[in-house]
Amino acid sequence: MIDTQSILKVREMTGAGMVDVKAALEESGGDIEKAVEILRKNGTIKAASKSERQTKEGLIHSYIHSSGKVGALIEVQCETDFVARNQAFQNLVHDLAMQVVAGNPLYLSSADIPAVDVEKEKSLQKEILKAEGKPEAMIEKILEGKMQKFYSDVCLLNQVFIKDDKITINQLIQQSIATIGENIQVKRFVRFAL
């Protein structure tokens, strides 16, 4: 029999629903660590299906760098107030605010960049490649990589996570969706610097 304390502990650690937590604890024979791992594995598969669910709760969080000369405000939404109060969600929001300060993104995603700016960047990169003497046949292929680099510089979701250079911010959010069990979306952010 799975006790209520274990269910509450796993739920607090993961933000997963009661039914999922109970099933994971039963599958793990009451082992809390194994239950968390089961929820993570199951959550990774489910993360993609949660992306369409509405986010009406969440947090607005501020981060001011220790120098006091740069800071950020960010709005991150989730589905329920229970998750908004969850430590894992709050840590994610804090990390995202720190990323805005460190990475200085101009846009949330590549879809937010005005088409005229994308074309301007493509033209600039093409001119640079031509000036470097790159063959015309290779320019398009090289340009694709240059544009991905551009997006990773100016788009928050495309940036490499400052705490783990093996994942992007979008991958970090997808991992959090898998772990927490709810859709999570960054709605907006602003960075201030002296």
C-alpha atoms as a PDB file:
ATOM      1  CA  MET A   1       0.000   0.000   0.000  1.00  0.00           C
ATOM      2  CA  ILE A   2       1.349   3.439  -0.987  1.00  0.00           C
ATOM      3  CA  ASP A   3       1.164   5.969   1.845  1.00  0.00           C
ATOM      4  CA  THR A   4      -0.043   9.563   1.418  1.00  0.00           C
ATOM      5  CA  GLN A   5       3.290  11.026   2.573  1.00  0.00           C
ATOM      6  CA  SER A   6       5.138   9.347  -0.322  1.00  0.00           C
ATOM      7  CA  ILE A   7       2.539  10.549  -2.829  1.00  0.00           C
ATOM      8  CA  LEU A   8       2.791  14.121  -1.547  1.00  0.00           C
ATOM      9  CA  LYS A   9       6.591  14.016  -1.532  1.00  0.00           C
ATOM     10  CA  VAL A  10       6.830  12.775  -5.147  1.00  0.00           C
ATOM     11  CA  ARG A  11       4.147  15.235  -6.228  1.00  0.00           C
ATOM     12  CA  GLU A  12       6.076  18.103  -4.650  1.00  0.00           C
ATOM     13  CA  MET A  13       9.305  16.953  -6.330  1.00  0.00           C
ATOM     14  CA  THR A  14       7.799  16.566  -9.792  1.00  0.00           C
ATOM     15  CA  GLY A  15       4.550  18.530  -9.924  1.00  0.00           C
ATOM     16  CA  ALA A  16       2.929  15.453 -11.522  1.00  0.00           C
ATOM     17  CA  GLY A  17      -0.750  14.620 -10.961  1.00  0.00           C
ATOM     18  CA  MET A  18      -1.930  12.398  -8.084  1.00  0.00           C
ATOM     19  CA  VAL A  19      -2.967   9.503 -10.335  1.00  0.00           C
ATOM     20  CA  ASP A  20       0.380   9.495 -12.177  1.00  0.00           C
ATOM     21  CA  VAL A  21       2.347   9.735  -8.925  1.00  0.00           C
ATOM     22  CA  LYS A  22       0.410   6.850  -7.345  1.00  0.00           C
ATOM     23  CA  ALA A  23       0.899   4.678 -10.450  1.00  0.00           C
ATOM     24  CA  ALA A  24       4.646   5.451 -10.523  1.00  0.00           C
ATOM     25  CA  LEU A  25       5.010   4.625  -6.823  1.00  0.00           C
ATOM     26  CA  GLU A  26       3.145   1.350  -7.300  1.00  0.00           C
ATOM     27  CA  GLU A  27       5.342   0.473 -10.294  1.00  0.00           C
ATOM     28  CA  SER A  28       8.504   1.283  -8.307  1.00  0.00           C
ATOM     29  CA  GLY A  29       7.385  -0.674  -5.247  1.00  0.00           C
ATOM     30  CA  GLY A  30       7.204   2.499  -3.155  1.00  0.00           C
ATOM     31  CA  ASP A  31      10.749   3.655  -4.018  1.00  0.00           C
ATOM     32  CA  ILE A  32      10.518   7.458  -4.294  1.00  0.00           C
ATOM     33  CA  GLU A  33      13.644   7.918  -6.453  1.00  0.00           C
ATOM     34  CA  LYS A  34      12.547   5.214  -8.915  1.00  0.00           C
ATOM     35  CA  ALA A  35       9.053   6.735  -9.019  1.00  0.00           C
ATOM     36  CA  VAL A  36      10.516  10.139  -9.948  1.00  0.00           C
ATOM     37  CA  GLU A  37      12.579   8.465 -12.709  1.00  0.00           C
ATOM     38  CA  ILE A  38       9.490   6.647 -14.037  1.00  0.00           C
ATOM     39  CA  LEU A  39       7.566   9.937 -14.099  1.00  0.00           C
ATOM     40  CA  ARG A  40      10.423  11.615 -15.989  1.00  0.00           C
ATOM     41  CA  LYS A  41      10.562   8.843 -18.591  1.00  0.00           C
ATOM     42  CA  ASN A  42       6.794   8.883 -19.055  1.00  0.00           C
ATOM     43  CA  GLY A  43       6.768  12.681 -19.072  1.00  0.00           C
ATOM     44  CA  THR A  44       9.301  12.942 -21.886  1.00  0.00           C
ATOM     45  CA  ILE A  45       6.947  11.001 -24.132  1.00  0.00           C
ATOM     46  CA  LYS A  46       3.961  13.088 -23.056  1.00  0.00           C
ATOM     47  CA  ALA A  47       5.668  16.516 -23.299  1.00  0.00           C
ATOM     48  CA  ALA A  48       4.895  16.942 -26.985  1.00  0.00           C
ATOM     49  CA  SER A  49       1.196  16.240 -26.436  1.00  0.00           C
ATOM     50  CA  LYS A  50       0.981  18.900 -23.711  1.00  0.00           C
ATOM     51  CA  SER A  51       2.144  21.749 -25.952  1.00  0.00           C
ATOM     52  CA  GLU A  52      -1.412  22.558 -27.066  1.00  0.00           C
ATOM     53  CA  ARG A  53      -2.878  22.779 -23.564  1.00  0.00           C
ATOM     54  CA  GLN A  54      -3.794  26.228 -22.270  1.00  0.00           C
ATOM     55  CA  THR A  55      -1.528  28.042 -19.843  1.00  0.00           C
ATOM     56  CA  LYS A  56      -3.414  30.461 -17.591  1.00  0.00           C
ATOM     57  CA  GLU A  57      -1.261  30.405 -14.452  1.00  0.00           C
ATOM     58  CA  GLY A  58       2.428  31.043 -13.894  1.00  0.00           C
ATOM     59  CA  LEU A  59       4.866  33.607 -12.586  1.00  0.00           C
ATOM     60  CA  ILE A  60       6.377  36.947 -13.380  1.00  0.00           C
ATOM     61  CA  HIS A  61       9.909  36.863 -12.062  1.00  0.00           C
ATOM     62  CA  SER A  62      12.708  39.395 -11.843  1.00  0.00           C
ATOM     63  CA  TYR A  63      16.425  38.741 -11.765  1.00  0.00           C
ATOM     64  CA  ILE A  64      18.982  41.442 -11.037  1.00  0.00           C
ATOM     65  CA  HIS A  65      22.649  40.561 -11.595  1.00  0.00           C
ATOM     66  CA  SER A  66      24.946  41.063  -8.587  1.00  0.00           C
ATOM     67  CA  SER A  67      26.489  44.142 -10.242  1.00  0.00           C
ATOM     68  CA  GLY A  68      23.111  45.867 -10.016  1.00  0.00           C
ATOM     69  CA  LYS A  69      23.606  47.148 -13.570  1.00  0.00           C
ATOM     70  CA  VAL A  70      21.596  44.581 -15.522  1.00  0.00           C
ATOM     71  CA  GLY A  71      18.347  42.744 -14.857  1.00  0.00           C
ATOM     72  CA  ALA A  72      15.358  41.081 -16.460  1.00  0.00           C
ATOM     73  CA  LEU A  73      11.637  40.533 -16.017  1.00  0.00           C
ATOM     74  CA  ILE A  74      10.082  37.406 -17.474  1.00  0.00           C
ATOM     75  CA  GLU A  75       6.565  35.967 -17.670  1.00  0.00           C
ATOM     76  CA  VAL A  76       6.384  32.176 -17.777  1.00  0.00           C
ATOM     77  CA  GLN A  77       3.029  30.417 -17.811  1.00  0.00           C
ATOM     78  CA  CYS A  78       1.890  26.962 -16.770  1.00  0.00           C
ATOM     79  CA  GLU A  79      -1.506  25.275 -16.502  1.00  0.00           C
ATOM     80  CA  THR A  80      -2.210  25.322 -12.749  1.00  0.00           C
ATOM     81  CA  ASP A  81      -1.403  27.391  -9.692  1.00  0.00           C
ATOM     82  CA  PHE A  82      -0.152  24.198  -8.011  1.00  0.00           C
ATOM     83  CA  VAL A  83       2.708  24.013 -10.527  1.00  0.00           C
ATOM     84  CA  ALA A  84       3.306  27.775 -10.297  1.00  0.00           C
ATOM     85  CA  ARG A  85       4.064  27.229  -6.584  1.00  0.00           C
ATOM     86  CA  ASN A  86       6.245  24.158  -7.310  1.00  0.00           C
ATOM     87  CA  GLN A  87       9.971  24.623  -6.615  1.00  0.00           C
ATOM     88  CA  ALA A  88      10.998  22.986  -9.903  1.00  0.00           C
ATOM     89  CA  PHE A  89       8.871  25.454 -11.893  1.00  0.00           C
ATOM     90  CA  GLN A  90      10.141  28.413  -9.853  1.00  0.00           C
ATOM     91  CA  ASN A  91      13.750  27.304 -10.434  1.00  0.00           C
ATOM     92  CA  LEU A  92      13.070  27.071 -14.175  1.00  0.00           C
ATOM     93  CA  VAL A  93      11.640  30.602 -14.244  1.00  0.00           C
ATOM     94  CA  HIS A  94      14.647  31.909 -12.314  1.00  0.00           C
ATOM     95  CA  ASP A  95      17.039  30.189 -14.743  1.00  0.00           C
ATOM     96  CA  LEU A  96      15.149  31.667 -17.699  1.00  0.00           C
ATOM     97  CA  ALA A  97      15.403  35.181 -16.216  1.00  0.00           C
ATOM     98  CA  MET A  98      19.160  34.654 -15.690  1.00  0.00           C
ATOM     99  CA  GLN A  99      19.421  33.488 -19.321  1.00  0.00           C
ATOM    100  CA  VAL A 100      17.781  36.720 -20.510  1.00  0.00           C
ATOM    101  CA  VAL A 101      20.337  38.740 -18.539  1.00  0.00           C
ATOM    102  CA  ALA A 102      23.323  36.690 -19.728  1.00  0.00           C
ATOM    103  CA  GLY A 103      22.260  35.946 -23.308  1.00  0.00           C
ATOM    104  CA  ASN A 104      20.629  39.294 -24.126  1.00  0.00           C
ATOM    105  CA  PRO A 105      18.105  37.803 -26.597  1.00  0.00           C
ATOM    106  CA  LEU A 106      16.126  40.194 -28.777  1.00  0.00           C
ATOM    107  CA  TYR A 107      13.272  37.798 -29.590  1.00  0.00           C
ATOM    108  CA  LEU A 108      11.545  34.817 -28.011  1.00  0.00           C
ATOM    109  CA  SER A 109      11.768  32.610 -31.131  1.00  0.00           C
ATOM    110  CA  SER A 110      12.776  32.841 -34.783  1.00  0.00           C
ATOM    111  CA  ALA A 111       9.075  33.222 -35.674  1.00  0.00           C
ATOM    112  CA  ASP A 112       9.102  36.584 -33.851  1.00  0.00           C
ATOM    113  CA  ILE A 113      11.855  38.103 -35.997  1.00  0.00           C
ATOM    114  CA  PRO A 114      10.437  40.454 -38.642  1.00  0.00           C
ATOM    115  CA  ALA A 115      10.879  38.978 -42.145  1.00  0.00           C
ATOM    116  CA  VAL A 116      12.724  42.115 -43.288  1.00  0.00           C
ATOM    117  CA  ASP A 117      15.362  41.568 -40.564  1.00  0.00           C
ATOM    118  CA  VAL A 118      15.788  37.901 -41.525  1.00  0.00           C
ATOM    119  CA  GLU A 119      16.281  38.877 -45.174  1.00  0.00           C
ATOM    120  CA  LYS A 120      18.730  41.616 -44.191  1.00  0.00           C
ATOM    121  CA  GLU A 121      20.799  39.101 -42.193  1.00  0.00           C
ATOM    122  CA  LYS A 122      20.722  36.581 -45.068  1.00  0.00           C
ATOM    123  CA  SER A 123      21.892  39.244 -47.539  1.00  0.00           C
ATOM    124  CA  LEU A 124      24.684  40.341 -45.205  1.00  0.00           C
ATOM    125  CA  GLN A 125      25.887  36.772 -44.703  1.00  0.00           C
ATOM    126  CA  LYS A 126      25.732  36.076 -48.465  1.00  0.00           C
ATOM    127  CA  GLU A 127      27.895  39.140 -49.160  1.00  0.00           C
ATOM    128  CA  ILE A 128      30.415  38.029 -46.526  1.00  0.00           C
ATOM    129  CA  LEU A 129      30.562  34.517 -48.007  1.00  0.00           C
ATOM    130  CA  LYS A 130      31.006  35.895 -51.535  1.00  0.00           C
ATOM    131  CA  ALA A 131      33.781  38.237 -50.323  1.00  0.00           C
ATOM    132  CA  GLU A 132      35.500  35.213 -48.729  1.00  0.00           C
ATOM    133  CA  GLY A 133      35.455  33.564 -52.159  1.00  0.00           C
ATOM    134  CA  LYS A 134      33.121  30.706 -51.302  1.00  0.00           C
ATOM    135  CA  PRO A 135      31.776  28.818 -54.345  1.00  0.00           C
ATOM    136  CA  GLU A 136      28.205  29.753 -55.295  1.00  0.00           C
ATOM    137  CA  ALA A 137      27.086  26.122 -54.934  1.00  0.00           C
ATOM    138  CA  MET A 138      28.225  26.031 -51.295  1.00  0.00           C
ATOM    139  CA  ILE A 139      26.859  29.422 -50.239  1.00  0.00           C
ATOM    140  CA  GLU A 140      23.275  28.209 -49.636  1.00  0.00           C
ATOM    141  CA  LYS A 141      24.447  25.305 -47.475  1.00  0.00           C
ATOM    142  CA  ILE A 142      26.821  27.511 -45.470  1.00  0.00           C
ATOM    143  CA  LEU A 143      24.123  30.189 -45.215  1.00  0.00           C
ATOM    144  CA  GLU A 144      21.792  27.718 -43.497  1.00  0.00           C
ATOM    145  CA  GLY A 145      24.354  27.198 -40.726  1.00  0.00           C
ATOM    146  CA  LYS A 146      25.008  30.955 -40.457  1.00  0.00           C
ATOM    147  CA  MET A 147      21.274  31.605 -40.014  1.00  0.00           C
ATOM    148  CA  GLN A 148      21.031  28.938 -37.281  1.00  0.00           C
ATOM    149  CA  LYS A 149      23.902  30.706 -35.504  1.00  0.00           C
ATOM    150  CA  PHE A 150      22.061  34.034 -35.916  1.00  0.00           C
ATOM    151  CA  TYR A 151      18.896  32.548 -34.371  1.00  0.00           C
ATOM    152  CA  SER A 152      20.888  31.101 -31.472  1.00  0.00           C
ATOM    153  CA  ASP A 153      22.324  34.568 -30.808  1.00  0.00           C
ATOM    154  CA  VAL A 154      19.103  36.600 -30.914  1.00  0.00           C
ATOM    155  CA  CYS A 155      16.293  34.162 -29.943  1.00  0.00           C
ATOM    156  CA  LEU A 156      15.841  33.056 -26.330  1.00  0.00           C
ATOM    157  CA  LEU A 157      14.463  29.610 -27.215  1.00  0.00           C
ATOM    158  CA  ASN A 158      17.388  28.911 -29.569  1.00  0.00           C
ATOM    159  CA  GLN A 159      20.122  30.009 -27.155  1.00  0.00           C
ATOM    160  CA  VAL A 160      22.413  27.510 -25.459  1.00  0.00           C
ATOM    161  CA  PHE A 161      21.526  27.262 -21.760  1.00  0.00           C
ATOM    162  CA  ILE A 162      24.127  29.115 -19.657  1.00  0.00           C
ATOM    163  CA  LYS A 163      24.160  26.357 -17.017  1.00  0.00           C
ATOM    164  CA  ASP A 164      24.436  23.437 -19.485  1.00  0.00           C
ATOM    165  CA  ASP A 165      25.941  24.063 -22.910  1.00  0.00           C
ATOM    166  CA  LYS A 166      24.652  20.716 -24.202  1.00  0.00           C
ATOM    167  CA  ILE A 167      21.022  21.900 -24.388  1.00  0.00           C
ATOM    168  CA  THR A 168      19.089  24.871 -25.724  1.00  0.00           C
ATOM    169  CA  ILE A 169      16.508  26.846 -23.770  1.00  0.00           C
ATOM    170  CA  ASN A 170      13.757  25.154 -25.780  1.00  0.00           C
ATOM    171  CA  GLN A 171      15.152  21.738 -24.769  1.00  0.00           C
ATOM    172  CA  LEU A 172      15.331  22.889 -21.133  1.00  0.00           C
ATOM    173  CA  ILE A 173      11.650  23.862 -21.267  1.00  0.00           C
ATOM    174  CA  GLN A 174      10.721  20.531 -22.918  1.00  0.00           C
ATOM    175  CA  GLN A 175      12.588  18.660 -20.166  1.00  0.00           C
ATOM    176  CA  SER A 176      10.692  20.687 -17.568  1.00  0.00           C
ATOM    177  CA  ILE A 177       7.367  19.896 -19.250  1.00  0.00           C
ATOM    178  CA  ALA A 178       8.296  16.208 -19.121  1.00  0.00           C
ATOM    179  CA  THR A 179       9.294  16.412 -15.462  1.00  0.00           C
ATOM    180  CA  ILE A 180       6.522  18.677 -14.189  1.00  0.00           C
ATOM    181  CA  GLY A 181       3.763  17.268 -16.375  1.00  0.00           C
ATOM    182  CA  GLU A 182       2.198  20.508 -17.587  1.00  0.00           C
ATOM    183  CA  ASN A 183       2.570  22.745 -20.597  1.00  0.00           C
ATOM    184  CA  ILE A 184       5.003  25.616 -19.942  1.00  0.00           C
ATOM    185  CA  GLN A 185       5.374  28.682 -22.143  1.00  0.00           C
ATOM    186  CA  VAL A 186       7.533  31.771 -21.985  1.00  0.00           C
ATOM    187  CA  LYS A 187       5.137  34.593 -22.853  1.00  0.00           C
ATOM    188  CA  ARG A 188       7.399  37.653 -22.771  1.00  0.00           C
ATOM    189  CA  PHE A 189      10.542  39.120 -21.286  1.00  0.00           C
ATOM    190  CA  VAL A 190      12.401  42.385 -21.047  1.00  0.00           C
ATOM    191  CA  ARG A 191      16.040  43.091 -20.197  1.00  0.00           C
ATOM    192  CA  PHE A 192      17.286  46.280 -18.591  1.00  0.00           C
ATOM    193  CA  ALA A 193      20.905  47.416 -18.588  1.00  0.00           C
ATOM    194  CA  LEU A 194      22.676  50.600 -17.558  1.00  0.00           C
END
